[in-house]
Amino acid sequence: MRRMDREVREFEDILKIIEKAKILRLGLFDGAYPYIVPLHFGYTYDSETKDLIFYMHSAKEGHKLDLIRDNPNVCIELDADVEVVSGGDVPCRYGASFSSVIARGSAEILENPEEKVKGLERLMLHQTGRSVEISEQMALSVEVVKVKVLEITAKERKKPKDF
């Protein structure tokens, strides 16, 4: 990380950024070019095993799923608290305050109906703030992508106090 002064080091603070974010950008390998798709998501974190898992849903077929099957190595980007910081009359002084997370991991298209239900319930909880019961039949009507995080970094630039 180039800007070490902006690095978020405490994992609890990284989880706070994840909690605030509502859209996850999933980066996949697509031949000579990356393929990035914005998705709603949910997640789980096990403090004992330190496992951070993201869940996303998808139609039953499509380019994203084909790419995951070809290469499960993915990158995730999340951001929150994005706000323009004014530079007044000097364009080069403009910037933004933000919080962001970058993670690398391994994606899998879930087959187990119980695990799909769990992933969809986590997605709904994160997106709506409510626990929603998902039936196995509902879960079987979509694909659920699970990403196990292998590496993660985060950074933030706080809004200046005089803003």
Protein backbone atom coordinates (compact mmCIF):
# COMPACT_ATOMS: atom_id res chain seq x y z
CA MET A 1 0.00 0.00 0.00
CA ARG A 2 1.50 3.28 -1.11
CA ARG A 3 -0.36 5.58 1.31
CA MET A 4 0.43 3.91 4.61
CA ASP A 5 -1.04 6.90 6.46
CA ARG A 6 -4.46 5.88 5.14
CA GLU A 7 -4.20 2.17 5.88
CA VAL A 8 -6.90 0.68 8.11
CA ARG A 9 -5.06 -1.83 10.30
CA GLU A 10 -7.66 -3.01 12.82
CA PHE A 11 -9.85 -5.80 11.47
CA GLU A 12 -12.86 -4.52 13.41
CA ASP A 13 -12.53 -1.24 11.47
CA ILE A 14 -12.39 -3.16 8.19
CA LEU A 15 -15.62 -4.93 9.16
CA LYS A 16 -17.23 -1.54 9.84
CA ILE A 17 -16.41 -0.46 6.27
CA ILE A 18 -17.85 -3.71 4.90
CA GLU A 19 -20.99 -3.20 6.97
CA LYS A 20 -21.53 0.29 5.52
CA ALA A 21 -20.95 -0.77 1.89
CA LYS A 22 -23.98 -1.96 -0.07
CA ILE A 23 -22.39 -2.78 -3.45
CA LEU A 24 -19.49 -5.14 -3.99
CA ARG A 25 -17.50 -5.02 -7.22
CA LEU A 26 -16.34 -8.48 -8.23
CA GLY A 27 -13.28 -8.61 -10.47
CA LEU A 28 -12.83 -11.69 -12.63
CA PHE A 29 -10.37 -12.88 -15.26
CA ASP A 30 -11.73 -12.58 -18.81
CA GLY A 31 -8.89 -13.35 -21.18
CA ALA A 32 -6.76 -10.28 -21.82
CA TYR A 33 -9.12 -7.93 -19.95
CA PRO A 34 -10.53 -7.86 -16.45
CA TYR A 35 -14.28 -8.18 -16.02
CA ILE A 36 -15.84 -6.25 -13.13
CA VAL A 37 -19.45 -6.54 -12.07
CA PRO A 38 -21.25 -4.64 -9.27
CA LEU A 39 -23.34 -6.86 -7.02
CA HIS A 40 -25.43 -6.78 -3.86
CA PHE A 41 -23.83 -8.95 -1.20
CA GLY A 42 -23.95 -10.37 2.27
CA TYR A 43 -21.14 -11.75 4.38
CA THR A 44 -20.15 -13.76 7.42
CA TYR A 45 -17.12 -13.43 9.64
CA ASP A 46 -16.02 -16.12 12.06
CA SER A 47 -13.84 -14.48 14.72
CA GLU A 48 -12.43 -17.83 15.85
CA THR A 49 -11.26 -19.11 12.46
CA LYS A 50 -10.84 -15.57 11.01
CA ASP A 51 -12.84 -16.69 7.94
CA LEU A 52 -14.46 -13.84 6.01
CA ILE A 53 -16.96 -15.05 3.42
CA PHE A 54 -18.91 -12.95 0.92
CA TYR A 55 -22.12 -14.17 -0.74
CA MET A 56 -23.68 -12.86 -3.95
CA HIS A 57 -26.61 -14.15 -6.00
CA SER A 58 -26.88 -14.57 -9.73
CA ALA A 59 -29.07 -15.80 -12.52
CA LYS A 60 -28.66 -19.50 -13.29
CA GLU A 61 -26.40 -18.79 -16.26
CA GLY A 62 -24.26 -15.99 -17.58
CA HIS A 63 -20.80 -14.64 -18.32
CA LYS A 64 -19.87 -14.09 -14.66
CA LEU A 65 -20.55 -17.74 -13.81
CA ASP A 66 -18.62 -18.94 -16.85
CA LEU A 67 -15.61 -16.87 -15.78
CA ILE A 68 -15.75 -18.20 -12.21
CA ARG A 69 -15.82 -21.76 -13.54
CA ASP A 70 -12.78 -20.99 -15.72
CA ASN A 71 -10.79 -19.29 -12.96
CA PRO A 72 -12.04 -18.99 -9.37
CA ASN A 73 -9.42 -16.37 -8.39
CA VAL A 74 -11.25 -13.09 -7.82
CA CYS A 75 -10.79 -9.61 -6.45
CA ILE A 76 -13.40 -7.69 -4.47
CA GLU A 77 -13.70 -3.93 -4.04
CA LEU A 78 -16.05 -2.16 -1.63
CA ASP A 79 -16.29 1.51 -0.80
CA ALA A 80 -18.28 3.70 1.57
CA ASP A 81 -18.42 7.24 2.91
CA VAL A 82 -17.45 8.75 -0.45
CA GLU A 83 -17.74 12.52 -0.42
CA VAL A 84 -16.09 15.27 -2.49
CA VAL A 85 -13.56 17.39 -0.63
CA SER A 86 -13.54 20.88 -2.11
CA GLY A 87 -10.38 22.51 -3.33
CA GLY A 88 -12.09 25.86 -3.77
CA ASP A 89 -10.73 27.66 -6.80
CA VAL A 90 -7.76 25.28 -7.15
CA PRO A 91 -8.73 22.16 -9.14
CA CYS A 92 -5.65 20.20 -8.01
CA ARG A 93 -6.74 20.55 -4.36
CA TYR A 94 -10.00 18.68 -4.89
CA GLY A 95 -10.22 15.14 -3.63
CA ALA A 96 -12.55 12.83 -1.79
CA SER A 97 -13.02 11.36 1.63
CA PHE A 98 -13.70 7.62 1.53
CA SER A 99 -13.32 4.20 3.09
CA SER A 100 -12.44 1.24 0.89
CA VAL A 101 -11.64 -2.46 1.05
CA ILE A 102 -9.79 -4.60 -1.47
CA ALA A 103 -9.80 -8.38 -1.03
CA ARG A 104 -8.52 -11.32 -3.00
CA GLY A 105 -10.15 -14.67 -2.71
CA SER A 106 -11.46 -17.83 -4.23
CA ALA A 107 -14.98 -18.00 -5.67
CA GLU A 108 -17.23 -21.00 -5.75
CA ILE A 109 -20.71 -21.52 -7.16
CA LEU A 110 -22.60 -23.24 -4.36
CA GLU A 111 -24.32 -26.55 -4.97
CA ASN A 112 -25.52 -27.37 -1.45
CA PRO A 113 -29.08 -26.01 -0.99
CA GLU A 114 -28.59 -25.39 2.75
CA GLU A 115 -25.47 -23.33 2.10
CA LYS A 116 -27.27 -21.40 -0.65
CA VAL A 117 -30.08 -20.58 1.79
CA LYS A 118 -27.54 -19.37 4.36
CA GLY A 119 -25.82 -17.18 1.77
CA LEU A 120 -29.08 -15.64 0.58
CA GLU A 121 -30.23 -15.00 4.14
CA ARG A 122 -26.93 -13.21 4.87
CA LEU A 123 -27.35 -11.16 1.69
CA MET A 124 -30.86 -10.09 2.69
CA LEU A 125 -29.78 -9.27 6.25
CA HIS A 126 -26.94 -7.07 5.01
CA GLN A 127 -29.01 -5.33 2.34
CA THR A 128 -32.20 -4.78 4.34
CA GLY A 129 -31.16 -4.99 7.99
CA ARG A 130 -33.85 -7.64 8.48
CA SER A 131 -33.71 -11.40 8.94
CA VAL A 132 -35.62 -12.98 6.07
CA GLU A 133 -36.41 -16.66 5.79
CA ILE A 134 -35.36 -18.11 2.45
CA SER A 135 -36.86 -21.44 1.41
CA GLU A 136 -34.85 -24.13 -0.29
CA GLN A 137 -37.10 -23.71 -3.34
CA MET A 138 -36.22 -20.00 -3.51
CA ALA A 139 -32.53 -20.81 -3.21
CA LEU A 140 -32.71 -23.36 -6.01
CA SER A 141 -34.08 -20.73 -8.41
CA VAL A 142 -30.78 -18.77 -8.39
CA GLU A 143 -27.08 -19.37 -8.20
CA VAL A 144 -25.18 -18.26 -5.12
CA VAL A 145 -21.53 -17.33 -5.37
CA LYS A 146 -19.38 -17.71 -2.28
CA VAL A 147 -16.02 -15.96 -2.03
CA LYS A 148 -13.62 -16.99 0.71
CA VAL A 149 -11.26 -14.09 1.40
CA LEU A 150 -7.56 -14.97 1.34
CA GLU A 151 -6.05 -11.45 1.58
CA ILE A 152 -7.58 -8.14 2.56
CA THR A 153 -6.51 -4.52 2.86
CA ALA A 154 -8.42 -1.34 3.61
CA LYS A 155 -7.81 2.36 3.66
CA GLU A 156 -9.64 5.56 4.37
CA ARG A 157 -9.29 9.27 3.97
CA LYS A 158 -11.29 11.10 6.54
CA LYS A 159 -13.14 14.30 5.73
CA PRO A 160 -11.11 17.37 6.79
CA LYS A 161 -12.43 18.96 9.97
CA ASP A 162 -12.92 22.38 8.33
CA PHE A 163 -15.04 20.93 5.50
